[in-house]
Amino acid sequence: MRGMSRMHATPATRLEVDLLGEVMVPADAWHGAQTERAIANFPLSGERTIGSYPDLIVGLLQVKQAAAEANARTGMLDERIARAIIRSAQSLIDAEATNLFPVHRLHGGGGTSANMNANEVLANTAEEQLGGRRGEYRCVHPNDHVNLHQSTNDVYPTACHIAVVRRWPLLQKEVLGLAGALQGFGQDAGEAPRLTRTCLQDAVEASFTDLFGGYVTGLDRGIRRVGAAVDALHAVNLGGTVVGQSGGVPTSYFDAVIPALRDVTGDVGYRRADDLFDAAQCPDDLAAIAGALDLLAHGLRKIAQDLRLLSSGP
């Protein structure tokens, strides 16, 4: 435009141009223009990035692998490009390269910047694999190739589901370990009597088996509740693109992407949500996880408070 000077790259920067204009990106950055805009638009101010959540990054990369695989299987994406994207994603997962994802964890746009961060990093790593130069996107393009037949609105929710499904076994193991320890305490104490309390007053006699057995039952119930909510997250809206309309993608891709996701994650439980329009606009399945975890946390706190009171006498 008249009156406007064009930006110029320096040894420390490179110039990237997209539909929104020109952006200076650090020369050595694996991300591109969209990510650089997000960094400027959503300053961290000491807060966490999406890279602070490794399982979320794995989820994003696995979605990209599944999409590339589905597009390759159906002839929608050149096999050479698809393999470069898939290899790049796996190398990032193996290297735990979460530092390449500097977008604010609470950035606006429903996850668009996170999606583009993944698209750009994968495009640049695949670009160099195929002999190109970082930031040029001549061999592999973030939108045209990495994000082919996808939208932030099906990529990001699916990645969030994968992150929770991946993380739950770690918490489950710890809670089961606690339940086992409490069960052991109850068995060791056996039928030794103790006074219960109601309204903080000494009440009737009960055994330690009763006390710790009750704790174990409560924890088991909490584990089952969270586990059921986690299993429900295997229903994903991948393939529904922007608002849950499957007509926005080729039928062959739509049919192939969920099986590809199962292969990539090694989890045969993944399935397509029954109503993609509902899944795109209502993330109550993630809210159910939050509610179940909150109840479990209240149960754990109750046990801790009981034991603190028990240790105070008589």
Protein backbone atom coordinates (compact mmCIF):
# COMPACT_ATOMS: atom_id res chain seq x y z
CA MET A 1 0.00 0.00 0.00
CA ARG A 2 1.18 3.57 -0.76
CA GLY A 3 2.79 5.25 2.18
CA MET A 4 3.62 1.99 3.96
CA SER A 5 7.13 0.55 4.04
CA ARG A 6 7.65 -3.17 3.68
CA MET A 7 9.19 -5.00 6.64
CA HIS A 8 12.68 -6.36 6.15
CA ALA A 9 14.14 -9.46 7.75
CA THR A 10 17.34 -9.26 9.79
CA PRO A 11 19.82 -12.02 10.63
CA ALA A 12 17.76 -12.65 13.78
CA THR A 13 14.37 -12.63 12.05
CA ARG A 14 12.54 -13.86 8.97
CA LEU A 15 9.60 -12.26 7.19
CA GLU A 16 6.42 -14.29 6.80
CA VAL A 17 3.41 -13.14 4.79
CA ASP A 18 -0.12 -14.47 4.96
CA LEU A 19 -3.63 -13.19 4.26
CA LEU A 20 -3.43 -10.85 7.25
CA GLY A 21 -0.18 -9.25 6.16
CA GLU A 22 3.48 -9.34 7.12
CA VAL A 23 4.91 -10.64 10.38
CA MET A 24 8.47 -10.77 11.63
CA VAL A 25 9.26 -14.15 13.18
CA PRO A 26 12.49 -15.13 14.99
CA ALA A 27 14.73 -16.73 12.38
CA ASP A 28 15.23 -19.90 14.40
CA ALA A 29 11.57 -20.33 15.44
CA TRP A 30 9.74 -23.46 14.36
CA HIS A 31 6.41 -21.64 14.56
CA GLY A 32 5.18 -19.04 12.07
CA ALA A 33 3.13 -15.89 11.60
CA GLN A 34 -0.10 -16.96 13.31
CA THR A 35 1.72 -18.14 16.42
CA GLU A 36 3.80 -14.97 16.52
CA ARG A 37 0.60 -12.91 16.38
CA ALA A 38 -0.84 -14.93 19.26
CA ILE A 39 2.27 -14.28 21.35
CA ALA A 40 1.77 -10.54 20.80
CA ASN A 41 -2.01 -10.56 21.24
CA PHE A 42 -2.07 -12.70 24.38
CA PRO A 43 0.98 -11.76 26.50
CA LEU A 44 1.96 -14.40 29.03
CA SER A 45 2.58 -12.05 31.96
CA GLY A 46 4.15 -14.92 33.87
CA GLU A 47 1.35 -17.38 33.12
CA ARG A 48 1.55 -20.80 31.53
CA THR A 49 1.70 -21.68 27.85
CA ILE A 50 -0.08 -24.59 26.16
CA GLY A 51 3.35 -26.22 26.20
CA SER A 52 3.01 -26.42 29.99
CA TYR A 53 0.51 -29.23 29.38
CA PRO A 54 2.47 -32.01 27.67
CA ASP A 55 -0.54 -34.30 27.24
CA LEU A 56 -2.42 -31.55 25.40
CA ILE A 57 0.51 -31.14 23.02
CA VAL A 58 0.58 -34.90 22.44
CA GLY A 59 -3.16 -34.76 21.77
CA LEU A 60 -2.75 -32.00 19.18
CA LEU A 61 0.08 -33.82 17.44
CA GLN A 62 -1.78 -37.13 17.41
CA VAL A 63 -4.82 -35.47 15.86
CA LYS A 64 -2.53 -34.08 13.13
CA GLN A 65 -1.04 -37.53 12.59
CA ALA A 66 -4.48 -39.09 12.30
CA ALA A 67 -5.67 -36.44 9.85
CA ALA A 68 -2.55 -36.78 7.70
CA GLU A 69 -2.95 -40.57 7.71
CA ALA A 70 -6.64 -40.34 6.75
CA ASN A 71 -5.91 -37.83 3.98
CA ALA A 72 -3.12 -40.04 2.64
CA ARG A 73 -5.22 -43.22 2.74
CA THR A 74 -7.94 -41.54 0.72
CA GLY A 75 -5.62 -39.89 -1.80
CA MET A 76 -6.39 -36.39 -0.57
CA LEU A 77 -2.79 -35.67 0.45
CA ASP A 78 0.42 -36.57 -1.31
CA GLU A 79 1.94 -39.60 0.41
CA ARG A 80 5.34 -37.95 0.70
CA ILE A 81 3.91 -34.88 2.43
CA ALA A 82 1.70 -36.97 4.71
CA ARG A 83 4.63 -39.14 5.84
CA ALA A 84 6.74 -36.05 6.55
CA ILE A 85 3.95 -34.60 8.73
CA ILE A 86 3.47 -37.89 10.58
CA ARG A 87 7.22 -38.32 11.16
CA SER A 88 7.54 -34.73 12.34
CA ALA A 89 4.72 -35.14 14.84
CA GLN A 90 6.21 -38.36 16.20
CA SER A 91 9.65 -36.80 16.55
CA LEU A 92 8.15 -33.92 18.55
CA ILE A 93 6.27 -36.35 20.78
CA ASP A 94 9.37 -38.46 21.34
CA ALA A 95 11.50 -35.39 22.09
CA GLU A 96 8.83 -33.91 24.40
CA ALA A 97 9.39 -30.65 22.53
CA THR A 98 6.75 -28.70 24.45
CA ASN A 99 8.92 -25.56 24.36
CA LEU A 100 7.88 -25.12 20.71
CA PHE A 101 4.35 -24.24 21.83
CA PRO A 102 4.56 -20.74 23.37
CA VAL A 103 0.88 -19.71 23.02
CA HIS A 104 -0.91 -18.55 26.20
CA ARG A 105 -2.95 -21.38 27.71
CA LEU A 106 -6.02 -19.11 27.88
CA HIS A 107 -5.68 -17.47 24.46
CA GLY A 108 -8.88 -16.37 22.79
CA GLY A 109 -10.49 -17.79 19.67
CA GLY A 110 -11.57 -21.18 20.97
CA GLY A 111 -8.12 -22.72 20.49
CA THR A 112 -7.32 -21.32 17.04
CA SER A 113 -3.85 -20.14 18.05
CA ALA A 114 -3.04 -23.54 19.59
CA ASN A 115 -4.18 -25.28 16.42
CA MET A 116 -2.13 -22.95 14.23
CA ASN A 117 0.88 -23.32 16.52
CA ALA A 118 0.76 -27.06 15.88
CA ASN A 119 0.15 -26.57 12.15
CA GLU A 120 3.10 -24.22 11.76
CA VAL A 121 5.57 -26.24 13.80
CA LEU A 122 4.69 -29.39 11.88
CA ALA A 123 4.79 -27.59 8.54
CA ASN A 124 8.26 -26.23 9.26
CA THR A 125 9.70 -29.50 10.54
CA ALA A 126 8.21 -31.39 7.58
CA GLU A 127 9.37 -28.63 5.21
CA GLU A 128 12.98 -29.13 6.27
CA GLN A 129 12.64 -32.90 6.01
CA LEU A 130 11.66 -32.48 2.36
CA GLY A 131 14.52 -30.12 1.57
CA GLY A 132 12.78 -26.78 2.05
CA ARG A 133 13.59 -23.88 4.32
CA ARG A 134 11.88 -22.93 7.55
CA GLY A 135 9.13 -20.34 7.01
CA GLU A 136 8.83 -20.82 3.24
CA TYR A 137 6.07 -23.49 3.22
CA ARG A 138 6.80 -24.43 -0.38
CA CYS A 139 6.80 -28.16 0.31
CA VAL A 140 4.40 -28.29 3.28
CA HIS A 141 1.86 -25.59 4.11
CA PRO A 142 0.29 -25.16 7.60
CA ASN A 143 -3.25 -24.76 6.26
CA ASP A 144 -3.28 -26.51 2.91
CA HIS A 145 -1.54 -29.66 4.11
CA VAL A 146 -1.22 -29.98 7.92
CA ASN A 147 -4.72 -28.64 8.60
CA LEU A 148 -6.37 -30.25 5.56
CA HIS A 149 -10.04 -31.15 6.23
CA GLN A 150 -9.83 -29.91 9.81
CA SER A 151 -11.00 -26.96 11.88
CA THR A 152 -9.93 -25.66 15.25
CA ASN A 153 -13.43 -26.61 16.37
CA ASP A 154 -12.87 -30.33 15.89
CA VAL A 155 -9.09 -30.45 16.42
CA TYR A 156 -8.85 -28.67 19.76
CA PRO A 157 -11.75 -30.41 21.57
CA THR A 158 -10.45 -33.78 20.37
CA ALA A 159 -6.96 -32.92 21.62
CA CYS A 160 -8.40 -31.91 25.00
CA HIS A 161 -10.21 -35.25 25.21
CA ILE A 162 -7.01 -37.12 24.39
CA ALA A 163 -5.10 -35.16 27.03
CA VAL A 164 -7.54 -36.12 29.80
CA VAL A 165 -7.76 -39.75 28.69
CA ARG A 166 -3.95 -39.95 28.72
CA ARG A 167 -3.64 -38.30 32.14
CA TRP A 168 -6.33 -40.17 34.06
CA PRO A 169 -4.40 -43.46 34.57
CA LEU A 170 -1.74 -41.58 36.55
CA LEU A 171 -4.27 -40.15 39.00
CA GLN A 172 -6.20 -43.40 39.09
CA LYS A 173 -3.05 -45.27 40.12
CA GLU A 174 -2.38 -42.85 42.98
CA VAL A 175 -5.94 -42.97 44.33
CA LEU A 176 -6.02 -46.75 44.09
CA GLY A 177 -2.73 -46.82 45.99
CA LEU A 178 -4.23 -44.64 48.72
CA ALA A 179 -7.31 -46.87 48.90
CA GLY A 180 -5.08 -49.92 49.28
CA ALA A 181 -3.10 -48.25 52.07
CA LEU A 182 -6.29 -47.31 53.92
CA GLN A 183 -7.59 -50.85 53.51
CA GLY A 184 -4.35 -52.12 55.04
CA PHE A 185 -4.63 -49.76 58.02
CA GLY A 186 -8.13 -51.02 58.66
CA GLN A 187 -7.04 -54.64 58.53
CA ASP A 188 -4.07 -54.01 60.82
CA ALA A 189 -6.23 -52.32 63.44
CA GLY A 190 -8.90 -54.96 63.05
CA GLU A 191 -11.82 -54.74 65.42
CA ALA A 192 -10.03 -52.51 67.92
CA PRO A 193 -12.73 -50.21 69.29
CA ARG A 194 -12.80 -46.47 68.89
CA LEU A 195 -15.33 -43.77 69.59
CA THR A 196 -17.07 -42.16 66.68
CA ARG A 197 -18.12 -38.53 66.81
CA THR A 198 -21.25 -36.72 65.73
CA CYS A 199 -21.26 -32.91 65.77
CA LEU A 200 -17.71 -33.21 67.21
CA GLN A 201 -19.06 -34.98 70.31
CA ASP A 202 -18.05 -38.47 71.39
CA ALA A 203 -20.79 -40.85 70.24
CA VAL A 204 -20.96 -44.61 69.80
CA GLU A 205 -18.28 -47.27 69.54
CA ALA A 206 -17.12 -48.55 66.14
CA SER A 207 -14.10 -50.40 64.78
CA PHE A 208 -11.20 -49.12 62.72
CA THR A 209 -12.26 -51.64 60.08
CA ASP A 210 -15.54 -49.73 59.80
CA LEU A 211 -13.74 -46.40 59.59
CA PHE A 212 -11.15 -47.25 56.96
CA GLY A 213 -13.52 -49.53 55.08
CA GLY A 214 -15.85 -46.58 54.66
CA TYR A 215 -13.03 -44.47 53.26
CA VAL A 216 -12.13 -47.17 50.76
CA THR A 217 -15.73 -47.48 49.60
CA GLY A 218 -15.94 -43.73 49.07
CA LEU A 219 -12.72 -43.66 47.08
CA ASP A 220 -13.82 -46.60 44.94
CA ARG A 221 -17.03 -44.75 44.15
CA GLY A 222 -15.06 -41.63 43.24
CA ILE A 223 -12.75 -43.61 40.96
CA ARG A 224 -15.69 -45.21 39.17
CA ARG A 225 -17.37 -41.82 38.75
CA VAL A 226 -14.28 -40.19 37.23
CA GLY A 227 -13.53 -43.29 35.16
CA ALA A 228 -16.99 -43.24 33.60
CA ALA A 229 -16.61 -39.55 32.76
CA VAL A 230 -13.19 -40.20 31.23
CA ASP A 231 -14.52 -43.07 29.12
CA ALA A 232 -17.21 -40.74 27.74
CA LEU A 233 -14.39 -38.57 26.36
CA HIS A 234 -13.59 -41.29 23.85
CA ALA A 235 -16.49 -39.83 21.85
CA VAL A 236 -14.90 -37.06 19.77
CA ASN A 237 -16.09 -34.66 17.08
CA LEU A 238 -13.09 -35.07 14.76
CA GLY A 239 -14.40 -34.83 11.22
CA GLY A 240 -17.15 -32.39 12.14
CA THR A 241 -14.93 -29.41 11.24
CA VAL A 242 -16.37 -25.97 12.08
CA VAL A 243 -19.87 -26.54 13.45
CA GLY A 244 -20.39 -30.29 13.25
CA GLN A 245 -21.45 -30.60 9.63
CA SER A 246 -19.79 -33.67 8.18
CA GLY A 247 -20.63 -32.47 4.68
CA GLY A 248 -17.72 -30.06 4.96
CA VAL A 249 -15.22 -32.87 4.35
CA PRO A 250 -15.04 -35.70 1.80
CA THR A 251 -16.90 -38.81 2.89
CA SER A 252 -13.77 -40.92 2.47
CA TYR A 253 -11.83 -38.74 4.89
CA PHE A 254 -14.75 -38.61 7.32
CA ASP A 255 -14.88 -42.42 7.40
CA ALA A 256 -11.11 -42.82 7.73
CA VAL A 257 -10.11 -40.27 10.36
CA ILE A 258 -11.49 -41.96 13.50
CA PRO A 259 -9.93 -45.35 12.66
CA ALA A 260 -6.69 -43.47 12.02
CA LEU A 261 -6.99 -41.81 15.42
CA ARG A 262 -7.39 -45.23 17.05
CA ASP A 263 -4.25 -46.43 15.30
CA VAL A 264 -2.22 -43.36 16.22
CA THR A 265 -3.22 -43.31 19.89
CA GLY A 266 -3.23 -47.08 20.31
CA ASP A 267 -6.65 -46.71 21.97
CA VAL A 268 -9.48 -48.59 20.26
CA GLY A 269 -12.03 -46.83 22.46
CA TYR A 270 -12.15 -43.65 20.37
CA ARG A 271 -15.42 -43.22 18.53
CA ARG A 272 -17.29 -40.45 16.79
CA ALA A 273 -19.77 -38.44 18.84
CA ASP A 274 -23.38 -39.33 18.09
CA ASP A 275 -24.31 -35.72 17.29
CA LEU A 276 -21.44 -33.68 15.88
CA PHE A 277 -23.41 -30.43 15.99
CA ASP A 278 -24.01 -30.89 19.70
CA ALA A 279 -20.41 -31.95 20.32
CA ALA A 280 -19.09 -28.84 18.57
CA GLN A 281 -21.05 -26.41 20.69
CA CYS A 282 -21.45 -28.10 24.07
CA PRO A 283 -18.31 -29.33 25.90
CA ASP A 284 -20.28 -30.61 28.88
CA ASP A 285 -18.36 -33.89 28.70
CA LEU A 286 -15.29 -31.99 29.88
CA ALA A 287 -17.40 -30.23 32.52
CA ALA A 288 -18.47 -33.68 33.74
CA ILE A 289 -14.80 -34.51 34.31
CA ALA A 290 -14.36 -31.34 36.35
CA GLY A 291 -17.43 -32.18 38.44
CA ALA A 292 -16.33 -35.77 39.08
CA LEU A 293 -12.82 -34.64 40.05
CA ASP A 294 -14.28 -32.02 42.37
CA LEU A 295 -16.32 -34.68 44.17
CA LEU A 296 -13.28 -36.92 44.44
CA ALA A 297 -11.24 -34.02 45.84
CA HIS A 298 -13.93 -33.31 48.44
CA GLY A 299 -13.82 -36.98 49.47
CA LEU A 300 -10.05 -36.86 49.86
CA ARG A 301 -10.26 -33.68 51.90
CA LYS A 302 -12.92 -35.23 54.14
CA ILE A 303 -10.64 -38.20 54.85
CA ALA A 304 -7.75 -35.88 55.69
CA GLN A 305 -9.91 -33.82 58.04
CA ASP A 306 -11.25 -36.95 59.74
CA LEU A 307 -7.75 -38.27 60.37
CA ARG A 308 -6.64 -34.92 61.72
CA LEU A 309 -9.58 -34.89 64.12
CA LEU A 310 -8.94 -38.53 65.08
CA SER A 311 -5.35 -37.73 65.98
CA SER A 312 -6.48 -34.99 68.41
CA GLY A 313 -7.86 -37.41 70.97
CA PRO A 314 -9.25 -38.58 73.27
